[in-house]
Structure formats: structure tokens, C-alpha cells
């Protein structure tokens, strides 16, 4: 659903995950093209040609139809390696207001306010800020944590500080959305 602010509601926002009932799930079936305007919007986002759109739709459809692999049993050595390199990452995408690019880069960069807040938590490793080479107002951040549980503990412990910083930084962006939560596969 497209909110009045122009942001796409995806079941989560920068303040943290939505309740379990709204968690990301693979759909049982894919909608036919044109049957679901939101699906079409997401699938056609930032694609230059109808052929690119069809290719992306095919790739996503194949991914959704593939059963998730069974994870390998964890070992103590693998757990230690994961915590050293970061086994969990949150990836966010932003559309930045042209007049606030410098402020956005300062707040979300390697020495910015978000990193200062994250560093107060156990399990935080680092944040990467990436700027699109073709679209100077499009950015992504990749927040690296030792584990999903470390990130969840941060969200619980620093909820108020997080919300205040999020409110202050909201003026910098036109849109922001969670691309996803990712784990390193070994």
C-alpha cells in the first residue's frame, strides 16, 4: 500500500520489524501481471524496459518457487567465524531530498549519528553507506551485526533513542524502505 507520505508500506520501517503476523512471507502464488498494482509497482521499480521487468519477474518467481535450503548444523567454529565477520545484515534503501544530501551522508555515514547509536550496542560491527552511481539521490545502507538476536536486542534496548534519531533524520529523505535482512551463507 502506498502511504499518504509517498512511502511504500512493507510491514516494517526504520524503527524495527513489524509484528510476526506481518513478517515477510513468500506468497503461495504469484499474481498475474496487472492483477495486483502493488506487485506490478515493486516488480517494475527502476527498470528501464519491459524486457527487464519481465526478466526480474521471472527471476523472482523462480526464487519464490524454490524451497528454502535446509541449513547446515552450526558448529562452535562456524559461530565464532560468523561473529567475527558479521553473519547478519540489514539493508535499507533511501531516496534523499536534493537539499539534504550532505546532511544525509553525515548522519548515515561511517562516523555519523546512526553509527554512534549502533556502537552503543553489543554485537554491532559496522555500517556501509553506498550511493548509486547513476542516481545521486539514491542510497543504501548495510548495517552489519554479529547476529539477528544482537540486532533485536539493540532495538529493544535503544528503542527510544532510535525513534528520536529516526524522527530527526526523516526530513532528509523522500522515501526509505527495508530491502531486507540478510545472513551470510557458508
N, C-alpha and C. Protein backbone atom coordinates (compact mmCIF):
# COMPACT_ATOMS: atom_id res chain seq x y z
N UNK A 1 0.85 -1.18 0.00
CA UNK A 1 0.00 0.00 0.00
C UNK A 1 0.89 1.22 0.00
N UNK A 2 0.55 2.21 -0.79
CA UNK A 2 1.29 3.46 -0.84
C UNK A 2 0.69 4.40 0.18
N UNK A 3 1.49 4.79 1.14
CA UNK A 3 1.01 5.67 2.21
C UNK A 3 0.88 7.10 1.69
N UNK A 4 0.19 7.93 2.44
CA UNK A 4 -0.01 9.33 2.06
C UNK A 4 1.31 10.08 1.94
N UNK A 5 2.35 9.62 2.62
CA UNK A 5 3.65 10.27 2.56
C UNK A 5 4.42 9.90 1.31
N UNK A 6 3.89 8.97 0.53
CA UNK A 6 4.59 8.53 -0.66
C UNK A 6 5.51 7.35 -0.39
N UNK A 7 5.53 6.87 0.82
CA UNK A 7 6.37 5.74 1.17
C UNK A 7 5.58 4.45 0.97
N UNK A 8 6.27 3.44 0.54
CA UNK A 8 5.62 2.14 0.40
C UNK A 8 5.66 1.45 1.74
N UNK A 9 4.52 1.04 2.22
CA UNK A 9 4.45 0.33 3.49
C UNK A 9 4.76 -1.14 3.21
N UNK A 10 5.81 -1.64 3.86
CA UNK A 10 6.25 -3.00 3.60
C UNK A 10 6.13 -3.89 4.83
N UNK A 11 5.47 -3.43 5.87
CA UNK A 11 5.37 -4.23 7.07
C UNK A 11 6.48 -3.94 8.06
N UNK A 12 7.35 -2.99 7.73
CA UNK A 12 8.42 -2.63 8.63
C UNK A 12 8.88 -1.21 8.30
N UNK A 13 9.55 -0.60 9.23
CA UNK A 13 10.14 0.72 8.96
C UNK A 13 11.46 0.79 9.70
N UNK A 14 12.12 1.93 9.64
CA UNK A 14 13.46 2.05 10.24
C UNK A 14 13.42 1.78 11.74
N UNK A 15 12.26 1.89 12.35
CA UNK A 15 12.15 1.67 13.80
C UNK A 15 12.18 0.20 14.16
N UNK A 16 12.10 -0.70 13.20
CA UNK A 16 12.22 -2.12 13.51
C UNK A 16 11.16 -2.94 12.82
N UNK A 17 11.21 -4.24 13.08
CA UNK A 17 10.31 -5.14 12.37
C UNK A 17 8.87 -5.00 12.82
N UNK A 18 7.99 -5.35 11.92
CA UNK A 18 6.57 -5.38 12.22
C UNK A 18 6.28 -6.62 13.07
N UNK A 19 5.10 -6.71 13.67
CA UNK A 19 4.75 -7.91 14.41
C UNK A 19 4.88 -9.15 13.53
N UNK A 20 5.05 -10.29 14.16
CA UNK A 20 5.27 -11.53 13.42
C UNK A 20 4.20 -11.79 12.37
N UNK A 21 2.97 -11.40 12.64
CA UNK A 21 1.89 -11.64 11.69
C UNK A 21 2.12 -10.91 10.37
N UNK A 22 2.88 -9.83 10.39
CA UNK A 22 3.13 -9.07 9.17
C UNK A 22 4.52 -9.32 8.60
N UNK A 23 5.21 -10.34 9.10
CA UNK A 23 6.56 -10.63 8.63
C UNK A 23 6.55 -10.98 7.15
N UNK A 24 7.71 -10.79 6.52
CA UNK A 24 7.81 -11.10 5.10
C UNK A 24 7.61 -12.60 4.89
N UNK A 25 6.75 -12.94 3.97
CA UNK A 25 6.49 -14.34 3.64
C UNK A 25 6.46 -14.50 2.14
N UNK A 26 6.83 -15.68 1.67
CA UNK A 26 6.70 -15.96 0.26
C UNK A 26 5.23 -16.19 -0.05
N UNK A 27 4.71 -15.55 -1.10
CA UNK A 27 3.31 -15.78 -1.44
C UNK A 27 3.11 -17.20 -1.98
N UNK A 28 1.93 -17.75 -1.75
CA UNK A 28 1.62 -19.09 -2.24
C UNK A 28 1.60 -19.11 -3.76
N UNK A 29 1.04 -18.09 -4.37
CA UNK A 29 1.02 -17.97 -5.83
C UNK A 29 1.37 -16.55 -6.21
N UNK A 30 1.86 -16.39 -7.41
CA UNK A 30 2.20 -15.06 -7.90
C UNK A 30 1.01 -14.47 -8.61
N UNK A 31 0.75 -13.18 -8.42
CA UNK A 31 -0.37 -12.56 -9.12
C UNK A 31 -0.07 -12.43 -10.61
N UNK A 32 -1.11 -12.49 -11.41
CA UNK A 32 -0.95 -12.28 -12.85
C UNK A 32 -0.59 -10.82 -13.08
N UNK A 33 0.22 -10.52 -14.13
CA UNK A 33 0.54 -9.12 -14.40
C UNK A 33 -0.73 -8.29 -14.55
N UNK A 34 -0.75 -7.14 -13.86
CA UNK A 34 -1.91 -6.26 -13.90
C UNK A 34 -2.96 -6.57 -12.84
N UNK A 35 -2.87 -7.73 -12.19
CA UNK A 35 -3.87 -8.12 -11.19
C UNK A 35 -3.63 -7.45 -9.84
N UNK A 36 -2.39 -7.13 -9.55
CA UNK A 36 -2.05 -6.53 -8.26
C UNK A 36 -1.16 -5.31 -8.52
N UNK A 37 -1.71 -4.08 -8.42
CA UNK A 37 -0.93 -2.89 -8.73
C UNK A 37 0.33 -2.74 -7.88
N UNK A 38 0.29 -3.15 -6.60
CA UNK A 38 1.48 -3.03 -5.76
C UNK A 38 2.58 -3.97 -6.26
N UNK A 39 2.20 -5.22 -6.58
CA UNK A 39 3.17 -6.18 -7.12
C UNK A 39 3.80 -5.61 -8.39
N UNK A 40 2.97 -5.07 -9.29
CA UNK A 40 3.48 -4.51 -10.54
C UNK A 40 4.42 -3.34 -10.25
N UNK A 41 4.07 -2.49 -9.28
CA UNK A 41 4.91 -1.35 -8.92
C UNK A 41 6.27 -1.82 -8.43
N UNK A 42 6.28 -2.80 -7.53
CA UNK A 42 7.53 -3.31 -6.98
C UNK A 42 8.35 -3.99 -8.07
N UNK A 43 7.71 -4.81 -8.88
CA UNK A 43 8.44 -5.55 -9.89
C UNK A 43 8.95 -4.67 -11.03
N UNK A 44 8.33 -3.54 -11.28
CA UNK A 44 8.74 -2.67 -12.36
C UNK A 44 9.60 -1.50 -11.89
N UNK A 45 9.84 -1.42 -10.58
CA UNK A 45 10.56 -0.31 -9.99
C UNK A 45 11.97 -0.18 -10.58
N UNK A 46 12.30 0.99 -11.06
CA UNK A 46 13.61 1.35 -11.57
C UNK A 46 14.10 0.48 -12.71
N UNK A 47 13.21 -0.13 -13.45
CA UNK A 47 13.62 -0.90 -14.61
C UNK A 47 13.35 -0.08 -15.85
N UNK A 48 14.26 -0.13 -16.79
CA UNK A 48 14.19 0.76 -17.94
C UNK A 48 13.30 0.26 -19.06
N UNK A 49 13.15 -1.06 -19.19
CA UNK A 49 12.40 -1.59 -20.31
C UNK A 49 11.44 -2.67 -19.84
N UNK A 50 10.40 -2.94 -20.63
CA UNK A 50 9.50 -4.05 -20.28
C UNK A 50 10.24 -5.39 -20.24
N UNK A 51 11.26 -5.56 -21.09
CA UNK A 51 12.02 -6.82 -21.07
C UNK A 51 12.74 -7.00 -19.74
N UNK A 52 13.34 -5.92 -19.22
CA UNK A 52 13.99 -6.01 -17.91
C UNK A 52 12.97 -6.37 -16.84
N UNK A 53 11.80 -5.79 -16.92
CA UNK A 53 10.75 -6.06 -15.96
C UNK A 53 10.35 -7.53 -16.01
N UNK A 54 10.15 -8.06 -17.21
CA UNK A 54 9.77 -9.47 -17.34
C UNK A 54 10.88 -10.38 -16.82
N UNK A 55 12.14 -10.02 -17.09
CA UNK A 55 13.25 -10.83 -16.61
C UNK A 55 13.29 -10.85 -15.08
N UNK A 56 13.11 -9.69 -14.45
CA UNK A 56 13.10 -9.63 -13.00
C UNK A 56 11.93 -10.42 -12.44
N UNK A 57 10.77 -10.28 -13.04
CA UNK A 57 9.61 -11.04 -12.58
C UNK A 57 9.87 -12.53 -12.67
N UNK A 58 10.52 -12.98 -13.74
CA UNK A 58 10.83 -14.40 -13.90
C UNK A 58 11.80 -14.86 -12.81
N UNK A 59 12.84 -14.06 -12.55
CA UNK A 59 13.82 -14.42 -11.53
C UNK A 59 13.17 -14.50 -10.16
N UNK A 60 12.34 -13.52 -9.82
CA UNK A 60 11.67 -13.53 -8.52
C UNK A 60 10.71 -14.71 -8.43
N UNK A 61 9.98 -14.98 -9.49
CA UNK A 61 9.04 -16.11 -9.50
C UNK A 61 9.78 -17.43 -9.28
N UNK A 62 10.93 -17.59 -9.93
CA UNK A 62 11.72 -18.82 -9.74
C UNK A 62 12.23 -18.92 -8.32
N UNK A 63 12.68 -17.79 -7.77
CA UNK A 63 13.16 -17.80 -6.38
C UNK A 63 12.04 -18.19 -5.42
N UNK A 64 10.86 -17.60 -5.62
CA UNK A 64 9.74 -17.88 -4.72
C UNK A 64 9.27 -19.32 -4.84
N UNK A 65 9.46 -19.92 -6.00
CA UNK A 65 9.02 -21.30 -6.20
C UNK A 65 10.03 -22.31 -5.68
N UNK A 66 11.26 -21.87 -5.41
CA UNK A 66 12.31 -22.77 -4.94
C UNK A 66 12.22 -22.91 -3.42
N UNK A 67 12.16 -24.16 -2.92
CA UNK A 67 12.13 -24.32 -1.46
C UNK A 67 13.43 -23.82 -0.83
N UNK A 68 13.30 -23.26 0.35
CA UNK A 68 14.48 -22.78 1.07
C UNK A 68 15.35 -23.97 1.45
N UNK A 69 16.68 -23.85 1.31
CA UNK A 69 17.56 -24.96 1.66
C UNK A 69 17.57 -25.22 3.15
N UNK A 70 17.84 -26.45 3.50
CA UNK A 70 17.95 -26.82 4.91
C UNK A 70 19.30 -26.34 5.42
N UNK A 71 19.31 -25.54 6.50
CA UNK A 71 20.60 -25.03 6.98
C UNK A 71 21.47 -26.15 7.54
N UNK A 72 22.77 -26.00 7.36
CA UNK A 72 23.72 -26.97 7.90
C UNK A 72 23.79 -26.79 9.41
N UNK A 73 24.08 -27.87 10.13
CA UNK A 73 24.20 -27.73 11.59
C UNK A 73 25.34 -26.78 11.95
N UNK A 74 25.09 -25.93 12.93
CA UNK A 74 26.10 -24.95 13.35
C UNK A 74 27.16 -25.62 14.19
N UNK A 75 28.37 -25.18 14.03
CA UNK A 75 29.46 -25.67 14.87
C UNK A 75 30.00 -24.48 15.65
N UNK A 76 30.73 -24.75 16.70
CA UNK A 76 31.29 -23.67 17.51
C UNK A 76 32.25 -22.83 16.66
N UNK A 77 33.04 -23.49 15.79
CA UNK A 77 33.98 -22.76 14.95
C UNK A 77 33.24 -21.85 13.98
N UNK A 78 32.17 -22.35 13.37
CA UNK A 78 31.38 -21.54 12.43
C UNK A 78 30.74 -20.36 13.16
N UNK A 79 30.27 -20.57 14.37
CA UNK A 79 29.65 -19.49 15.14
C UNK A 79 30.67 -18.40 15.43
N UNK A 80 31.90 -18.81 15.80
CA UNK A 80 32.96 -17.81 16.06
C UNK A 80 33.31 -17.06 14.79
N UNK A 81 33.41 -17.76 13.67
CA UNK A 81 33.73 -17.11 12.40
C UNK A 81 32.64 -16.13 12.01
N UNK A 82 31.38 -16.51 12.22
CA UNK A 82 30.26 -15.64 11.89
C UNK A 82 30.28 -14.37 12.71
N UNK A 83 30.62 -14.47 13.98
CA UNK A 83 30.61 -13.27 14.80
C UNK A 83 31.78 -12.36 14.47
N UNK A 84 32.86 -12.92 13.92
CA UNK A 84 34.00 -12.09 13.56
C UNK A 84 33.74 -11.33 12.26
N UNK A 85 33.00 -11.93 11.33
CA UNK A 85 32.82 -11.31 10.02
C UNK A 85 31.46 -10.66 9.87
N UNK A 86 30.54 -10.94 10.74
CA UNK A 86 29.20 -10.38 10.62
C UNK A 86 28.30 -11.32 9.86
N UNK A 87 27.47 -12.03 10.56
CA UNK A 87 26.63 -13.02 9.90
C UNK A 87 25.22 -12.50 9.64
N UNK A 88 24.95 -11.25 9.98
CA UNK A 88 23.61 -10.70 9.81
C UNK A 88 23.72 -9.25 9.37
N UNK A 89 22.93 -8.89 8.37
CA UNK A 89 22.95 -7.51 7.87
C UNK A 89 21.55 -7.03 7.57
N UNK A 90 21.28 -5.76 7.85
CA UNK A 90 20.03 -5.10 7.48
C UNK A 90 20.37 -4.13 6.35
N UNK A 91 19.60 -4.20 5.27
CA UNK A 91 19.86 -3.35 4.12
C UNK A 91 18.66 -2.43 3.90
N UNK A 92 18.93 -1.13 3.88
CA UNK A 92 17.91 -0.10 3.69
C UNK A 92 18.18 0.69 2.43
N UNK A 93 17.14 1.12 1.77
CA UNK A 93 17.27 1.98 0.60
C UNK A 93 16.58 3.31 0.89
N UNK A 94 17.19 4.39 0.37
CA UNK A 94 16.69 5.73 0.62
C UNK A 94 16.64 6.53 -0.67
N UNK A 95 15.65 7.37 -0.79
CA UNK A 95 15.58 8.41 -1.82
C UNK A 95 15.73 9.71 -1.04
N UNK A 96 16.84 10.41 -1.24
CA UNK A 96 17.21 11.58 -0.44
C UNK A 96 16.74 12.87 -1.12
N UNK A 97 16.28 13.81 -0.29
CA UNK A 97 15.89 15.13 -0.81
C UNK A 97 17.15 15.84 -1.32
N UNK A 98 17.07 16.46 -2.49
CA UNK A 98 18.26 17.10 -3.08
C UNK A 98 18.94 18.11 -2.16
N UNK A 99 18.19 18.82 -1.36
CA UNK A 99 18.78 19.85 -0.50
C UNK A 99 19.39 19.28 0.78
N UNK A 100 19.24 17.97 1.02
CA UNK A 100 19.73 17.37 2.26
C UNK A 100 20.76 16.26 2.04
N UNK A 101 21.36 16.19 0.86
CA UNK A 101 22.31 15.10 0.58
C UNK A 101 23.48 15.13 1.56
N UNK A 102 24.08 16.29 1.78
CA UNK A 102 25.25 16.38 2.67
C UNK A 102 24.87 15.97 4.10
N UNK A 103 23.72 16.44 4.58
CA UNK A 103 23.27 16.08 5.93
C UNK A 103 22.99 14.59 6.03
N UNK A 104 22.39 14.03 4.99
CA UNK A 104 22.11 12.58 4.98
C UNK A 104 23.42 11.80 5.05
N UNK A 105 24.39 12.17 4.22
CA UNK A 105 25.67 11.45 4.21
C UNK A 105 26.38 11.55 5.57
N UNK A 106 26.29 12.71 6.22
CA UNK A 106 26.90 12.84 7.55
C UNK A 106 26.19 11.95 8.57
N UNK A 107 24.86 11.95 8.56
CA UNK A 107 24.10 11.19 9.56
C UNK A 107 24.21 9.68 9.37
N UNK A 108 24.26 9.23 8.12
CA UNK A 108 24.23 7.80 7.82
C UNK A 108 25.59 7.22 7.48
N UNK A 109 26.62 8.04 7.41
CA UNK A 109 27.96 7.58 7.06
C UNK A 109 28.67 6.86 8.18
N UNK A 110 29.91 6.46 7.91
CA UNK A 110 30.69 5.63 8.83
C UNK A 110 30.95 6.27 10.19
N UNK A 111 30.91 7.59 10.27
CA UNK A 111 31.12 8.29 11.55
C UNK A 111 29.88 9.09 11.94
N UNK A 112 28.73 8.74 11.37
CA UNK A 112 27.51 9.50 11.59
C UNK A 112 26.75 9.15 12.86
N UNK A 113 25.63 9.82 13.01
CA UNK A 113 24.80 9.66 14.20
C UNK A 113 24.26 8.23 14.35
N UNK A 114 23.89 7.61 13.22
CA UNK A 114 23.37 6.24 13.31
C UNK A 114 24.45 5.29 13.81
N UNK A 115 25.64 5.42 13.28
CA UNK A 115 26.74 4.55 13.70
C UNK A 115 27.05 4.78 15.18
N UNK A 116 27.03 6.04 15.62
CA UNK A 116 27.28 6.33 17.04
C UNK A 116 26.25 5.63 17.92
N UNK A 117 24.99 5.63 17.49
CA UNK A 117 23.96 4.93 18.26
C UNK A 117 24.18 3.42 18.23
N UNK A 118 24.43 2.87 17.04
CA UNK A 118 24.63 1.42 16.92
C UNK A 118 25.82 0.95 17.75
N UNK A 119 26.89 1.77 17.80
CA UNK A 119 28.10 1.37 18.55
C UNK A 119 27.85 1.21 20.04
N UNK A 120 26.79 1.75 20.55
CA UNK A 120 26.46 1.59 21.97
C UNK A 120 25.97 0.19 22.29
N UNK A 121 25.69 -0.61 21.26
CA UNK A 121 25.11 -1.94 21.45
C UNK A 121 26.15 -3.04 21.26
N UNK A 122 25.99 -4.11 22.01
CA UNK A 122 26.80 -5.31 21.80
C UNK A 122 26.38 -5.94 20.47
N UNK A 123 27.35 -6.42 19.74
CA UNK A 123 27.05 -7.15 18.51
C UNK A 123 27.06 -6.31 17.25
N UNK A 124 27.19 -4.99 17.38
CA UNK A 124 27.27 -4.14 16.18
C UNK A 124 28.68 -4.22 15.63
N UNK A 125 28.80 -4.34 14.28
CA UNK A 125 30.11 -4.42 13.65
C UNK A 125 30.46 -3.17 12.84
N UNK A 126 29.59 -2.82 11.88
CA UNK A 126 29.89 -1.66 11.05
C UNK A 126 28.68 -1.33 10.18
N UNK A 127 28.73 -0.15 9.55
CA UNK A 127 27.71 0.27 8.59
C UNK A 127 28.41 0.74 7.33
N UNK A 128 27.85 0.36 6.20
CA UNK A 128 28.34 0.82 4.90
C UNK A 128 27.26 1.71 4.29
N UNK A 129 27.68 2.85 3.74
CA UNK A 129 26.78 3.74 3.02
C UNK A 129 27.20 3.71 1.56
N UNK A 130 26.26 3.37 0.68
CA UNK A 130 26.54 3.29 -0.76
C UNK A 130 25.64 4.27 -1.50
N UNK A 131 26.23 4.99 -2.46
CA UNK A 131 25.49 5.94 -3.30
C UNK A 131 25.42 5.38 -4.71
N UNK A 132 24.24 5.38 -5.29
CA UNK A 132 24.04 4.89 -6.65
C UNK A 132 24.86 5.73 -7.63
N UNK A 133 25.61 5.08 -8.51
CA UNK A 133 26.47 5.81 -9.44
C UNK A 133 25.68 6.51 -10.54
N UNK A 134 24.46 6.03 -10.82
CA UNK A 134 23.64 6.63 -11.87
C UNK A 134 22.55 7.55 -11.33
N UNK A 135 22.23 7.43 -10.05
CA UNK A 135 21.17 8.24 -9.44
C UNK A 135 21.72 8.81 -8.13
N UNK A 136 22.21 10.06 -8.14
CA UNK A 136 22.88 10.61 -6.96
C UNK A 136 21.98 10.84 -5.74
N UNK A 137 20.68 10.63 -5.89
CA UNK A 137 19.78 10.80 -4.75
C UNK A 137 19.34 9.46 -4.16
N UNK A 138 19.89 8.37 -4.68
CA UNK A 138 19.55 7.02 -4.20
C UNK A 138 20.73 6.44 -3.43
N UNK A 139 20.46 5.99 -2.20
CA UNK A 139 21.48 5.42 -1.34
C UNK A 139 20.98 4.10 -0.75
N UNK A 140 21.93 3.26 -0.34
CA UNK A 140 21.60 2.13 0.51
C UNK A 140 22.55 2.14 1.70
N UNK A 141 22.07 1.61 2.81
CA UNK A 141 22.95 1.35 3.95
C UNK A 141 22.92 -0.14 4.22
N UNK A 142 24.06 -0.65 4.66
CA UNK A 142 24.16 -2.05 5.07
C UNK A 142 24.70 -2.03 6.49
N UNK A 143 23.85 -2.40 7.44
CA UNK A 143 24.23 -2.44 8.85
C UNK A 143 24.60 -3.87 9.20
N UNK A 144 25.85 -4.08 9.62
CA UNK A 144 26.37 -5.42 9.92
C UNK A 144 26.35 -5.67 11.43
N UNK A 145 25.78 -6.83 11.79
CA UNK A 145 25.68 -7.24 13.19
C UNK A 145 26.22 -8.66 13.30
N UNK A 146 26.60 -9.05 14.51
CA UNK A 146 27.09 -10.41 14.70
C UNK A 146 25.98 -11.43 14.52
N UNK A 147 24.74 -11.03 14.83
CA UNK A 147 23.61 -11.96 14.72
C UNK A 147 22.30 -11.19 14.69
N UNK A 148 21.27 -11.87 14.27
CA UNK A 148 19.94 -11.26 14.28
C UNK A 148 19.50 -10.96 15.71
N UNK A 149 19.86 -11.84 16.62
CA UNK A 149 19.46 -11.62 18.02
C UNK A 149 20.18 -10.40 18.61
N UNK A 150 21.43 -10.14 18.18
CA UNK A 150 22.13 -8.93 18.65
C UNK A 150 21.41 -7.68 18.15
N UNK A 151 20.96 -7.72 16.90
CA UNK A 151 20.22 -6.58 16.35
C UNK A 151 18.89 -6.39 17.08
N UNK A 152 18.20 -7.48 17.34
CA UNK A 152 16.92 -7.41 18.06
C UNK A 152 17.12 -6.85 19.48
N UNK A 153 18.20 -7.27 20.15
CA UNK A 153 18.49 -6.75 21.49
C UNK A 153 18.76 -5.25 21.44
N UNK A 154 19.47 -4.80 20.41
CA UNK A 154 19.71 -3.37 20.22
C UNK A 154 18.37 -2.64 20.07
N UNK A 155 17.49 -3.16 19.24
CA UNK A 155 16.19 -2.50 19.02
C UNK A 155 15.39 -2.39 20.31
N UNK A 156 15.45 -3.41 21.14
CA UNK A 156 14.72 -3.35 22.41
C UNK A 156 15.36 -2.35 23.37
N UNK A 157 16.67 -2.41 23.51
CA UNK A 157 17.37 -1.58 24.50
C UNK A 157 17.40 -0.09 24.13
N UNK A 158 17.49 0.21 22.86
CA UNK A 158 17.65 1.59 22.41
C UNK A 158 16.45 2.11 21.62
N UNK A 159 15.29 1.55 21.89
CA UNK A 159 14.08 1.90 21.13
C UNK A 159 13.80 3.41 21.12
N UNK A 160 13.86 4.06 22.27
CA UNK A 160 13.54 5.49 22.35
C UNK A 160 14.59 6.35 21.63
N UNK A 161 15.88 6.04 21.85
CA UNK A 161 16.94 6.79 21.17
C UNK A 161 16.82 6.61 19.65
N UNK A 162 16.51 5.42 19.23
CA UNK A 162 16.35 5.09 17.81
C UNK A 162 15.21 5.91 17.21
N UNK A 163 14.07 5.94 17.89
CA UNK A 163 12.91 6.67 17.39
C UNK A 163 13.20 8.18 17.29
N UNK A 164 13.90 8.73 18.28
CA UNK A 164 14.23 10.15 18.25
C UNK A 164 15.16 10.49 17.08
N UNK A 165 16.18 9.65 16.88
CA UNK A 165 17.10 9.89 15.76
C UNK A 165 16.38 9.70 14.43
N UNK A 166 15.53 8.71 14.34
CA UNK A 166 14.77 8.48 13.12
C UNK A 166 13.90 9.69 12.79
N UNK A 167 13.26 10.26 13.81
CA UNK A 167 12.43 11.45 13.61
C UNK A 167 13.27 12.64 13.12
N UNK A 168 14.47 12.83 13.69
CA UNK A 168 15.34 13.93 13.27
C UNK A 168 15.81 13.75 11.83
N UNK A 169 16.07 12.53 11.42
CA UNK A 169 16.61 12.27 10.09
C UNK A 169 15.54 12.14 9.01
N UNK A 170 14.29 12.06 9.41
CA UNK A 170 13.22 11.87 8.44
C UNK A 170 13.16 13.00 7.41
N UNK A 171 13.53 14.21 7.79
CA UNK A 171 13.49 15.35 6.88
C UNK A 171 14.46 15.19 5.72
N UNK A 172 15.48 14.33 5.86
CA UNK A 172 16.50 14.17 4.82
C UNK A 172 16.00 13.37 3.63
N UNK A 173 14.95 12.56 3.82
CA UNK A 173 14.56 11.61 2.78
C UNK A 173 13.15 11.82 2.29
N UNK A 174 12.95 11.45 1.03
CA UNK A 174 11.61 11.40 0.46
C UNK A 174 10.98 10.03 0.73
N UNK A 175 11.82 9.00 0.63
CA UNK A 175 11.37 7.62 0.84
C UNK A 175 12.47 6.83 1.52
N UNK A 176 12.08 5.83 2.28
CA UNK A 176 13.01 4.85 2.82
C UNK A 176 12.26 3.55 2.98
N UNK A 177 12.95 2.46 2.74
CA UNK A 177 12.31 1.16 2.93
C UNK A 177 13.37 0.11 3.19
N UNK A 178 12.96 -0.90 3.89
CA UNK A 178 13.82 -2.03 4.19
C UNK A 178 13.89 -2.91 2.95
N UNK A 179 15.07 -3.09 2.42
CA UNK A 179 15.25 -4.04 1.31
C UNK A 179 15.16 -5.44 1.88
N UNK A 180 15.81 -5.66 3.02
CA UNK A 180 15.71 -6.98 3.63
C UNK A 180 16.75 -7.20 4.70
N UNK A 181 16.60 -8.33 5.37
CA UNK A 181 17.53 -8.81 6.38
C UNK A 181 18.26 -9.99 5.75
N UNK A 182 19.59 -9.98 5.86
CA UNK A 182 20.39 -10.99 5.17
C UNK A 182 21.35 -11.67 6.12
N UNK A 183 21.60 -12.95 5.88
CA UNK A 183 22.56 -13.70 6.66
C UNK A 183 23.63 -14.24 5.70
N UNK A 184 24.86 -14.31 6.21
CA UNK A 184 25.95 -14.87 5.42
C UNK A 184 25.75 -16.37 5.34
N UNK A 185 25.86 -16.91 4.14
CA UNK A 185 25.75 -18.36 3.94
C UNK A 185 27.14 -18.91 3.73
N UNK A 186 27.47 -19.90 4.47
CA UNK A 186 28.82 -20.52 4.38
C UNK A 186 28.72 -21.87 3.76
